[in-house]
Amino acid sequence: MDLLTPSFGLIIWTLLAFLIVFFVLKKFAWGPILSSLNEREKTIADSLSTAERVKEEMSQMKSENEALMAKARDERAQMLKEAKETRDKIVNEAREQAKIEASKIVADSYAAIENQKMAALTDVKNEIGNMVIDISEKVIRKALQNKGDQEAYIRQLANELPLLDKK
């Protein structure tokens, strides 16, 4: 039973050793331990505040990045829209220019055809005039006594004309 109940001297020496260790630790160890604990607590608090600040900055950067991406998409859409409008404008201008050129070519063709038609009519009229002169000359040269013979001769000459092909 002696083991369970310590003697009075052992208690005093244990208490004295405890108090000496306590005062030595208080004087030399607790200051540096507490200062290192305080320093570590401050470092952890600073690290947490820095992490929170970085997290907020990252969140802000993310929202700015999303805003920039949306702006870039809008600009791209606007550029595509402008490019399509420019393309359509150029195509429509080319079509209008082609229509104008086609109309000009058709008008020039009609004018050329009309000129050739007039030239052909003029040639026909000149030829008919020459034929009439030839027939008249032949009629006058042949001084016929009889008016009936004269009309028969004119009909015969008219039938011999090359323009009056009978088909």
N, C-alpha and C. Protein backbone atom coordinates (compact mmCIF):
# COMPACT_ATOMS: atom_id res chain seq x y z
N MET A 1 0.76 -1.18 0.00
CA MET A 1 0.00 0.00 0.00
C MET A 1 0.81 1.27 0.00
N ASP A 2 1.97 1.08 0.31
CA ASP A 2 2.86 2.23 0.31
C ASP A 2 2.97 2.85 -1.08
N LEU A 3 2.72 2.08 -2.00
CA LEU A 3 2.85 2.60 -3.36
C LEU A 3 1.71 3.55 -3.70
N LEU A 4 0.59 3.35 -3.13
CA LEU A 4 -0.55 4.19 -3.45
C LEU A 4 -0.55 5.46 -2.63
N THR A 5 0.00 5.49 -1.50
CA THR A 5 0.03 6.69 -0.67
C THR A 5 1.47 7.18 -0.58
N PRO A 6 1.78 8.30 -1.16
CA PRO A 6 3.14 8.81 -1.09
C PRO A 6 3.41 9.45 0.27
N SER A 7 4.65 9.50 0.62
CA SER A 7 5.02 10.09 1.90
C SER A 7 5.06 11.59 1.79
N PHE A 8 5.05 12.26 2.97
CA PHE A 8 4.99 13.71 3.00
C PHE A 8 6.23 14.30 2.36
N GLY A 9 7.38 13.77 2.54
CA GLY A 9 8.64 14.28 1.99
C GLY A 9 8.65 14.19 0.46
N LEU A 10 8.10 13.13 -0.05
CA LEU A 10 8.03 12.96 -1.51
C LEU A 10 7.13 14.02 -2.11
N ILE A 11 6.05 14.32 -1.43
CA ILE A 11 5.12 15.35 -1.93
C ILE A 11 5.82 16.69 -1.94
N ILE A 12 6.56 17.04 -0.88
CA ILE A 12 7.23 18.34 -0.81
C ILE A 12 8.31 18.41 -1.86
N TRP A 13 9.12 17.37 -2.00
CA TRP A 13 10.17 17.41 -3.02
C TRP A 13 9.56 17.43 -4.44
N THR A 14 8.49 16.77 -4.64
CA THR A 14 7.84 16.79 -5.96
C THR A 14 7.26 18.17 -6.22
N LEU A 15 6.66 18.77 -5.15
CA LEU A 15 6.11 20.12 -5.31
C LEU A 15 7.22 21.12 -5.53
N LEU A 16 8.32 21.01 -4.82
CA LEU A 16 9.46 21.90 -5.00
C LEU A 16 10.05 21.75 -6.39
N ALA A 17 10.19 20.55 -6.90
CA ALA A 17 10.72 20.32 -8.26
C ALA A 17 9.75 20.89 -9.30
N PHE A 18 8.48 20.71 -9.04
CA PHE A 18 7.48 21.26 -9.97
C PHE A 18 7.55 22.77 -10.01
N LEU A 19 7.65 23.41 -8.83
CA LEU A 19 7.71 24.87 -8.78
C LEU A 19 8.99 25.38 -9.44
N ILE A 20 10.10 24.73 -9.28
CA ILE A 20 11.36 25.16 -9.91
C ILE A 20 11.24 25.03 -11.43
N VAL A 21 10.72 23.93 -11.86
CA VAL A 21 10.54 23.73 -13.31
C VAL A 21 9.55 24.75 -13.84
N PHE A 22 8.50 25.03 -13.03
CA PHE A 22 7.48 26.00 -13.46
C PHE A 22 8.10 27.38 -13.62
N PHE A 23 8.88 27.84 -12.61
CA PHE A 23 9.49 29.17 -12.69
C PHE A 23 10.55 29.24 -13.78
N VAL A 24 11.31 28.19 -13.99
CA VAL A 24 12.32 28.17 -15.05
C VAL A 24 11.62 28.22 -16.43
N LEU A 25 10.58 27.44 -16.56
CA LEU A 25 9.85 27.44 -17.83
C LEU A 25 9.18 28.79 -18.06
N LYS A 26 8.62 29.39 -16.95
CA LYS A 26 7.94 30.67 -17.09
C LYS A 26 8.93 31.74 -17.49
N LYS A 27 10.12 31.74 -16.89
CA LYS A 27 11.09 32.77 -17.16
C LYS A 27 11.74 32.58 -18.52
N PHE A 28 12.07 31.38 -18.92
CA PHE A 28 12.84 31.18 -20.16
C PHE A 28 12.04 30.60 -21.33
N ALA A 29 11.06 29.78 -21.11
CA ALA A 29 10.40 29.08 -22.19
C ALA A 29 9.06 29.67 -22.59
N TRP A 30 8.23 30.09 -21.60
CA TRP A 30 6.90 30.55 -21.96
C TRP A 30 6.92 31.79 -22.83
N GLY A 31 7.81 32.71 -22.60
CA GLY A 31 7.87 33.93 -23.44
C GLY A 31 8.10 33.58 -24.91
N PRO A 32 9.19 32.84 -25.19
CA PRO A 32 9.42 32.48 -26.58
C PRO A 32 8.32 31.58 -27.14
N ILE A 33 7.80 30.66 -26.33
CA ILE A 33 6.73 29.78 -26.81
C ILE A 33 5.49 30.60 -27.13
N LEU A 34 5.10 31.49 -26.19
CA LEU A 34 3.91 32.31 -26.41
C LEU A 34 4.13 33.27 -27.58
N SER A 35 5.33 33.87 -27.66
CA SER A 35 5.59 34.78 -28.79
C SER A 35 5.57 34.02 -30.11
N SER A 36 6.13 32.80 -30.14
CA SER A 36 6.08 32.03 -31.39
C SER A 36 4.65 31.60 -31.70
N LEU A 37 3.86 31.27 -30.64
CA LEU A 37 2.46 30.94 -30.86
C LEU A 37 1.69 32.15 -31.38
N ASN A 38 1.94 33.32 -30.77
CA ASN A 38 1.28 34.55 -31.23
C ASN A 38 1.70 34.89 -32.67
N GLU A 39 3.00 34.71 -32.92
CA GLU A 39 3.50 34.97 -34.27
C GLU A 39 2.88 34.00 -35.28
N ARG A 40 2.78 32.75 -34.89
CA ARG A 40 2.17 31.76 -35.76
C ARG A 40 0.69 32.06 -35.97
N GLU A 41 -0.01 32.47 -34.90
CA GLU A 41 -1.42 32.83 -35.02
C GLU A 41 -1.59 34.03 -35.96
N LYS A 42 -0.68 35.01 -35.80
CA LYS A 42 -0.73 36.19 -36.68
C LYS A 42 -0.44 35.80 -38.13
N THR A 43 0.53 34.92 -38.35
CA THR A 43 0.86 34.45 -39.70
C THR A 43 -0.32 33.71 -40.32
N ILE A 44 -0.96 32.86 -39.53
CA ILE A 44 -2.12 32.12 -40.02
C ILE A 44 -3.25 33.09 -40.35
N ALA A 45 -3.49 34.09 -39.46
CA ALA A 45 -4.54 35.07 -39.71
C ALA A 45 -4.22 35.87 -40.98
N ASP A 46 -2.94 36.27 -41.12
CA ASP A 46 -2.54 37.00 -42.34
C ASP A 46 -2.71 36.13 -43.58
N SER A 47 -2.34 34.87 -43.46
CA SER A 47 -2.48 33.96 -44.60
C SER A 47 -3.95 33.78 -44.97
N LEU A 48 -4.81 33.68 -43.94
CA LEU A 48 -6.24 33.54 -44.21
C LEU A 48 -6.81 34.80 -44.86
N SER A 49 -6.38 35.98 -44.36
CA SER A 49 -6.88 37.22 -44.96
C SER A 49 -6.35 37.38 -46.38
N THR A 50 -5.08 37.00 -46.59
CA THR A 50 -4.50 37.06 -47.94
C THR A 50 -5.24 36.09 -48.87
N ALA A 51 -5.53 34.90 -48.37
CA ALA A 51 -6.26 33.92 -49.17
C ALA A 51 -7.65 34.44 -49.50
N GLU A 52 -8.31 35.07 -48.53
CA GLU A 52 -9.65 35.62 -48.77
C GLU A 52 -9.57 36.75 -49.79
N ARG A 53 -8.55 37.62 -49.65
CA ARG A 53 -8.38 38.72 -50.60
C ARG A 53 -8.09 38.17 -52.01
N VAL A 54 -7.23 37.17 -52.09
CA VAL A 54 -6.92 36.56 -53.39
C VAL A 54 -8.17 35.91 -53.97
N LYS A 55 -8.97 35.27 -53.11
CA LYS A 55 -10.22 34.64 -53.57
C LYS A 55 -11.16 35.70 -54.13
N GLU A 56 -11.27 36.85 -53.43
CA GLU A 56 -12.12 37.94 -53.92
C GLU A 56 -11.59 38.50 -55.24
N GLU A 57 -10.25 38.66 -55.32
CA GLU A 57 -9.65 39.15 -56.56
C GLU A 57 -9.89 38.17 -57.70
N MET A 58 -9.77 36.88 -57.41
CA MET A 58 -10.01 35.87 -58.44
C MET A 58 -11.48 35.91 -58.88
N SER A 59 -12.38 36.10 -57.93
CA SER A 59 -13.79 36.20 -58.27
C SER A 59 -14.03 37.42 -59.13
N GLN A 60 -13.41 38.54 -58.75
CA GLN A 60 -13.55 39.77 -59.53
C GLN A 60 -12.95 39.59 -60.92
N MET A 61 -11.76 38.97 -60.99
CA MET A 61 -11.13 38.72 -62.29
C MET A 61 -11.99 37.80 -63.15
N LYS A 62 -12.62 36.81 -62.50
CA LYS A 62 -13.47 35.90 -63.24
C LYS A 62 -14.66 36.65 -63.82
N SER A 63 -15.28 37.53 -63.01
CA SER A 63 -16.42 38.29 -63.53
C SER A 63 -15.96 39.26 -64.62
N GLU A 64 -14.77 39.88 -64.44
CA GLU A 64 -14.24 40.76 -65.49
C GLU A 64 -13.94 39.96 -66.76
N ASN A 65 -13.40 38.76 -66.59
CA ASN A 65 -13.10 37.90 -67.73
C ASN A 65 -14.38 37.52 -68.46
N GLU A 66 -15.43 37.19 -67.71
CA GLU A 66 -16.71 36.85 -68.34
C GLU A 66 -17.28 38.05 -69.07
N ALA A 67 -17.12 39.25 -68.45
CA ALA A 67 -17.61 40.47 -69.11
C ALA A 67 -16.83 40.72 -70.40
N LEU A 68 -15.51 40.52 -70.35
CA LEU A 68 -14.69 40.70 -71.55
C LEU A 68 -15.06 39.68 -72.63
N MET A 69 -15.33 38.45 -72.21
CA MET A 69 -15.72 37.42 -73.19
C MET A 69 -17.06 37.78 -73.82
N ALA A 70 -18.00 38.27 -73.01
CA ALA A 70 -19.31 38.66 -73.55
C ALA A 70 -19.14 39.83 -74.52
N LYS A 71 -18.29 40.77 -74.14
CA LYS A 71 -18.04 41.92 -75.01
C LYS A 71 -17.38 41.47 -76.32
N ALA A 72 -16.43 40.55 -76.21
CA ALA A 72 -15.77 40.03 -77.41
C ALA A 72 -16.77 39.29 -78.30
N ARG A 73 -17.69 38.52 -77.68
CA ARG A 73 -18.70 37.83 -78.48
C ARG A 73 -19.61 38.83 -79.19
N ASP A 74 -19.99 39.88 -78.46
CA ASP A 74 -20.84 40.91 -79.06
C ASP A 74 -20.12 41.61 -80.21
N GLU A 75 -18.84 41.92 -80.00
CA GLU A 75 -18.06 42.57 -81.06
C GLU A 75 -17.93 41.65 -82.27
N ARG A 76 -17.71 40.36 -82.02
CA ARG A 76 -17.59 39.40 -83.12
C ARG A 76 -18.92 39.33 -83.88
N ALA A 77 -20.02 39.27 -83.13
CA ALA A 77 -21.33 39.22 -83.79
C ALA A 77 -21.57 40.49 -84.60
N GLN A 78 -21.18 41.63 -84.04
CA GLN A 78 -21.34 42.90 -84.76
C GLN A 78 -20.49 42.91 -86.02
N MET A 79 -19.25 42.44 -85.91
CA MET A 79 -18.36 42.40 -87.08
C MET A 79 -18.92 41.47 -88.15
N LEU A 80 -19.44 40.31 -87.73
CA LEU A 80 -20.04 39.39 -88.70
C LEU A 80 -21.26 40.01 -89.37
N LYS A 81 -22.06 40.71 -88.59
CA LYS A 81 -23.24 41.37 -89.13
C LYS A 81 -22.83 42.44 -90.14
N GLU A 82 -21.82 43.24 -89.79
CA GLU A 82 -21.35 44.27 -90.71
C GLU A 82 -20.77 43.65 -91.98
N ALA A 83 -20.03 42.54 -91.81
CA ALA A 83 -19.45 41.87 -92.98
C ALA A 83 -20.56 41.35 -93.90
N LYS A 84 -21.61 40.77 -93.32
CA LYS A 84 -22.73 40.27 -94.13
C LYS A 84 -23.43 41.43 -94.83
N GLU A 85 -23.62 42.53 -94.10
CA GLU A 85 -24.27 43.69 -94.72
C GLU A 85 -23.43 44.23 -95.87
N THR A 86 -22.11 44.29 -95.66
CA THR A 86 -21.21 44.78 -96.71
C THR A 86 -21.25 43.84 -97.91
N ARG A 87 -21.23 42.52 -97.64
CA ARG A 87 -21.29 41.54 -98.72
C ARG A 87 -22.59 41.69 -99.51
N ASP A 88 -23.71 41.79 -98.77
CA ASP A 88 -25.00 41.94 -99.44
C ASP A 88 -25.05 43.23 -100.26
N LYS A 89 -24.49 44.29 -99.71
CA LYS A 89 -24.47 45.57 -100.41
C LYS A 89 -23.65 45.46 -101.70
N ILE A 90 -22.48 44.83 -101.61
CA ILE A 90 -21.62 44.67 -102.79
C ILE A 90 -22.32 43.80 -103.83
N VAL A 91 -22.95 42.71 -103.37
CA VAL A 91 -23.65 41.81 -104.31
C VAL A 91 -24.80 42.56 -104.99
N ASN A 92 -25.57 43.31 -104.20
CA ASN A 92 -26.70 44.06 -104.77
C ASN A 92 -26.21 45.13 -105.75
N GLU A 93 -25.11 45.81 -105.39
CA GLU A 93 -24.56 46.81 -106.30
C GLU A 93 -24.09 46.15 -107.60
N ALA A 94 -23.46 44.97 -107.48
CA ALA A 94 -23.00 44.26 -108.67
C ALA A 94 -24.19 43.84 -109.53
N ARG A 95 -25.28 43.38 -108.87
CA ARG A 95 -26.48 43.00 -109.63
C ARG A 95 -27.07 44.20 -110.35
N GLU A 96 -27.16 45.31 -109.63
CA GLU A 96 -27.72 46.52 -110.25
C GLU A 96 -26.85 46.97 -111.42
N GLN A 97 -25.53 46.92 -111.22
CA GLN A 97 -24.61 47.31 -112.29
C GLN A 97 -24.78 46.37 -113.48
N ALA A 98 -24.94 45.07 -113.21
CA ALA A 98 -25.13 44.10 -114.30
C ALA A 98 -26.44 44.36 -115.03
N LYS A 99 -27.51 44.69 -114.26
CA LYS A 99 -28.79 45.01 -114.91
C LYS A 99 -28.65 46.24 -115.79
N ILE A 100 -27.95 47.26 -115.27
CA ILE A 100 -27.76 48.48 -116.05
C ILE A 100 -26.97 48.18 -117.32
N GLU A 101 -25.91 47.38 -117.18
CA GLU A 101 -25.09 47.02 -118.35
C GLU A 101 -25.91 46.20 -119.34
N ALA A 102 -26.71 45.26 -118.82
CA ALA A 102 -27.54 44.44 -119.71
C ALA A 102 -28.55 45.32 -120.44
N SER A 103 -29.18 46.24 -119.70
CA SER A 103 -30.14 47.15 -120.34
C SER A 103 -29.46 47.99 -121.42
N LYS A 104 -28.24 48.45 -121.11
CA LYS A 104 -27.49 49.26 -122.08
C LYS A 104 -27.16 48.43 -123.33
N ILE A 105 -26.74 47.17 -123.11
CA ILE A 105 -26.40 46.30 -124.23
C ILE A 105 -27.65 46.04 -125.07
N VAL A 106 -28.79 45.78 -124.40
CA VAL A 106 -30.04 45.52 -125.14
C VAL A 106 -30.44 46.76 -125.93
N ALA A 107 -30.34 47.93 -125.28
CA ALA A 107 -30.71 49.17 -125.97
C ALA A 107 -29.78 49.41 -127.16
N ASP A 108 -28.49 49.17 -126.95
CA ASP A 108 -27.54 49.34 -128.07
C ASP A 108 -27.85 48.35 -129.19
N SER A 109 -28.22 47.10 -128.81
CA SER A 109 -28.56 46.09 -129.82
C SER A 109 -29.79 46.51 -130.60
N TYR A 110 -30.83 47.00 -129.87
CA TYR A 110 -32.03 47.47 -130.56
C TYR A 110 -31.71 48.62 -131.51
N ALA A 111 -30.84 49.53 -131.05
CA ALA A 111 -30.46 50.67 -131.89
C ALA A 111 -29.71 50.18 -133.13
N ALA A 112 -28.80 49.22 -132.94
CA ALA A 112 -28.05 48.68 -134.07
C ALA A 112 -28.98 47.97 -135.05
N ILE A 113 -29.92 47.19 -134.49
CA ILE A 113 -30.89 46.49 -135.36
C ILE A 113 -31.73 47.51 -136.12
N GLU A 114 -32.18 48.54 -135.42
CA GLU A 114 -32.99 49.57 -136.07
C GLU A 114 -32.18 50.27 -137.17
N ASN A 115 -30.91 50.55 -136.91
CA ASN A 115 -30.06 51.18 -137.92
C ASN A 115 -29.89 50.27 -139.13
N GLN A 116 -29.67 48.96 -138.87
CA GLN A 116 -29.51 48.04 -139.98
C GLN A 116 -30.82 47.89 -140.76
N LYS A 117 -31.94 47.90 -140.03
CA LYS A 117 -33.24 47.82 -140.68
C LYS A 117 -33.46 49.03 -141.58
N MET A 118 -33.14 50.21 -141.06
CA MET A 118 -33.30 51.44 -141.85
C MET A 118 -32.37 51.42 -143.07
N ALA A 119 -31.14 50.92 -142.87
CA ALA A 119 -30.20 50.84 -143.99
C ALA A 119 -30.73 49.87 -145.04
N ALA A 120 -31.30 48.73 -144.59
CA ALA A 120 -31.84 47.75 -145.53
C ALA A 120 -33.04 48.33 -146.27
N LEU A 121 -33.91 49.04 -145.52
CA LEU A 121 -35.06 49.66 -146.18
C LEU A 121 -34.62 50.72 -147.19
N THR A 122 -33.59 51.46 -146.81
CA THR A 122 -33.07 52.47 -147.74
C THR A 122 -32.52 51.80 -148.99
N ASP A 123 -31.79 50.69 -148.80
CA ASP A 123 -31.25 49.96 -149.95
C ASP A 123 -32.39 49.44 -150.83
N VAL A 124 -33.45 48.89 -150.17
CA VAL A 124 -34.58 48.37 -150.94
C VAL A 124 -35.25 49.51 -151.72
N LYS A 125 -35.45 50.64 -151.04
CA LYS A 125 -36.08 51.77 -151.71
C LYS A 125 -35.23 52.26 -152.88
N ASN A 126 -33.94 52.32 -152.67
CA ASN A 126 -33.04 52.73 -153.77
C ASN A 126 -33.10 51.75 -154.92
N GLU A 127 -33.13 50.47 -154.60
CA GLU A 127 -33.19 49.44 -155.64
C GLU A 127 -34.51 49.52 -156.40
N ILE A 128 -35.62 49.69 -155.63
CA ILE A 128 -36.93 49.82 -156.28
C ILE A 128 -36.95 51.06 -157.16
N GLY A 129 -36.37 52.16 -156.65
CA GLY A 129 -36.31 53.38 -157.46
C GLY A 129 -35.53 53.17 -158.74
N ASN A 130 -34.40 52.47 -158.62
CA ASN A 130 -33.59 52.17 -159.81
C ASN A 130 -34.37 51.30 -160.79
N MET A 131 -35.12 50.33 -160.25
CA MET A 131 -35.91 49.47 -161.12
C MET A 131 -37.01 50.25 -161.81
N VAL A 132 -37.65 51.13 -161.04
CA VAL A 132 -38.71 51.94 -161.65
C VAL A 132 -38.14 52.80 -162.77
N ILE A 133 -36.96 53.34 -162.53
CA ILE A 133 -36.32 54.16 -163.57
C ILE A 133 -35.99 53.31 -164.78
N ASP A 134 -35.46 52.10 -164.52
CA ASP A 134 -35.15 51.21 -165.65
C ASP A 134 -36.41 50.87 -166.45
N ILE A 135 -37.50 50.51 -165.73
CA ILE A 135 -38.75 50.17 -166.42
C ILE A 135 -39.28 51.37 -167.19
N SER A 136 -39.23 52.53 -166.52
CA SER A 136 -39.74 53.74 -167.19
C SER A 136 -38.91 54.05 -168.43
N GLU A 137 -37.62 53.85 -168.32
CA GLU A 137 -36.74 54.12 -169.46
C GLU A 137 -37.07 53.19 -170.62
N LYS A 138 -37.28 51.91 -170.25
CA LYS A 138 -37.61 50.95 -171.29
C LYS A 138 -38.96 51.24 -171.92
N VAL A 139 -39.92 51.68 -171.09
CA VAL A 139 -41.25 51.98 -171.60
C VAL A 139 -41.17 53.18 -172.53
N ILE A 140 -40.43 54.16 -172.14
CA ILE A 140 -40.36 55.38 -172.96
C ILE A 140 -39.64 55.07 -174.28
N ARG A 141 -38.59 54.25 -174.22
CA ARG A 141 -37.85 53.93 -175.44
C ARG A 141 -38.72 53.20 -176.44
N LYS A 142 -39.57 52.40 -175.88
CA LYS A 142 -40.40 51.65 -176.81
C LYS A 142 -41.67 52.47 -177.02
N ALA A 143 -41.72 53.09 -177.98
CA ALA A 143 -42.88 53.93 -178.27
C ALA A 143 -43.93 53.05 -178.89
N LEU A 144 -44.81 52.63 -178.08
CA LEU A 144 -45.86 51.75 -178.54
C LEU A 144 -47.03 52.59 -179.03
N GLN A 145 -47.71 52.09 -180.04
CA GLN A 145 -48.85 52.79 -180.59
C GLN A 145 -50.07 52.57 -179.71
N ASN A 146 -50.14 51.50 -179.10
CA ASN A 146 -51.36 51.08 -178.46
C ASN A 146 -51.16 51.13 -176.94
N LYS A 147 -52.15 51.69 -176.26
CA LYS A 147 -52.06 51.79 -174.81
C LYS A 147 -52.17 50.41 -174.17
N GLY A 148 -52.90 49.49 -174.66
CA GLY A 148 -53.03 48.13 -174.13
C GLY A 148 -51.72 47.38 -174.22
N ASP A 149 -51.01 47.54 -175.35
CA ASP A 149 -49.69 46.91 -175.48
C ASP A 149 -48.72 47.50 -174.47
N GLN A 150 -48.85 48.78 -174.23
CA GLN A 150 -47.95 49.47 -173.30
C GLN A 150 -48.18 48.94 -171.87
N GLU A 151 -49.43 48.73 -171.44
CA GLU A 151 -49.73 48.22 -170.10
C GLU A 151 -49.29 46.75 -169.97
N ALA A 152 -49.44 45.97 -171.02
CA ALA A 152 -49.00 44.58 -171.00
C ALA A 152 -47.48 44.51 -170.87
N TYR A 153 -46.81 45.41 -171.53
CA TYR A 153 -45.35 45.45 -171.47
C TYR A 153 -44.90 45.85 -170.05
N ILE A 154 -45.59 46.77 -169.42
CA ILE A 154 -45.24 47.19 -168.05
C ILE A 154 -45.44 46.02 -167.10
N ARG A 155 -46.52 45.26 -167.23
CA ARG A 155 -46.75 44.10 -166.38
C ARG A 155 -45.68 43.04 -166.58
N GLN A 156 -45.27 42.84 -167.81
CA GLN A 156 -44.23 41.87 -168.12
C GLN A 156 -42.93 42.27 -167.46
N LEU A 157 -42.58 43.52 -167.52
CA LEU A 157 -41.35 44.00 -166.89
C LEU A 157 -41.44 43.91 -165.36
N ALA A 158 -42.59 44.18 -164.82
CA ALA A 158 -42.77 44.11 -163.37
C ALA A 158 -42.60 42.66 -162.89
N ASN A 159 -43.10 41.71 -163.68
CA ASN A 159 -42.97 40.29 -163.33
C ASN A 159 -41.53 39.83 -163.43
N GLU A 160 -40.72 40.49 -164.20
CA GLU A 160 -39.34 40.10 -164.37
C GLU A 160 -38.42 40.67 -163.27
N LEU A 161 -38.96 41.53 -162.44
CA LEU A 161 -38.13 42.14 -161.37
C LEU A 161 -37.61 41.06 -160.41
N PRO A 162 -36.33 41.15 -159.99
CA PRO A 162 -35.75 40.12 -159.10
C PRO A 162 -36.29 40.18 -157.66
N LEU A 163 -36.79 41.32 -157.17
CA LEU A 163 -37.28 41.40 -155.80
C LEU A 163 -38.63 40.75 -155.64
N LEU A 164 -39.37 40.65 -156.65
CA LEU A 164 -40.71 40.13 -156.55
C LEU A 164 -40.74 38.63 -156.88
N ASP A 165 -40.05 37.84 -156.09
CA ASP A 165 -40.07 36.39 -156.28
C ASP A 165 -41.43 35.88 -155.84
N LYS A 166 -42.03 35.13 -156.70
CA LYS A 166 -43.34 34.59 -156.38
C LYS A 166 -43.17 33.19 -155.86
N LYS A 167 -43.65 32.98 -154.68
CA LYS A 167 -43.49 31.68 -154.03
C LYS A 167 -44.80 31.00 -153.86
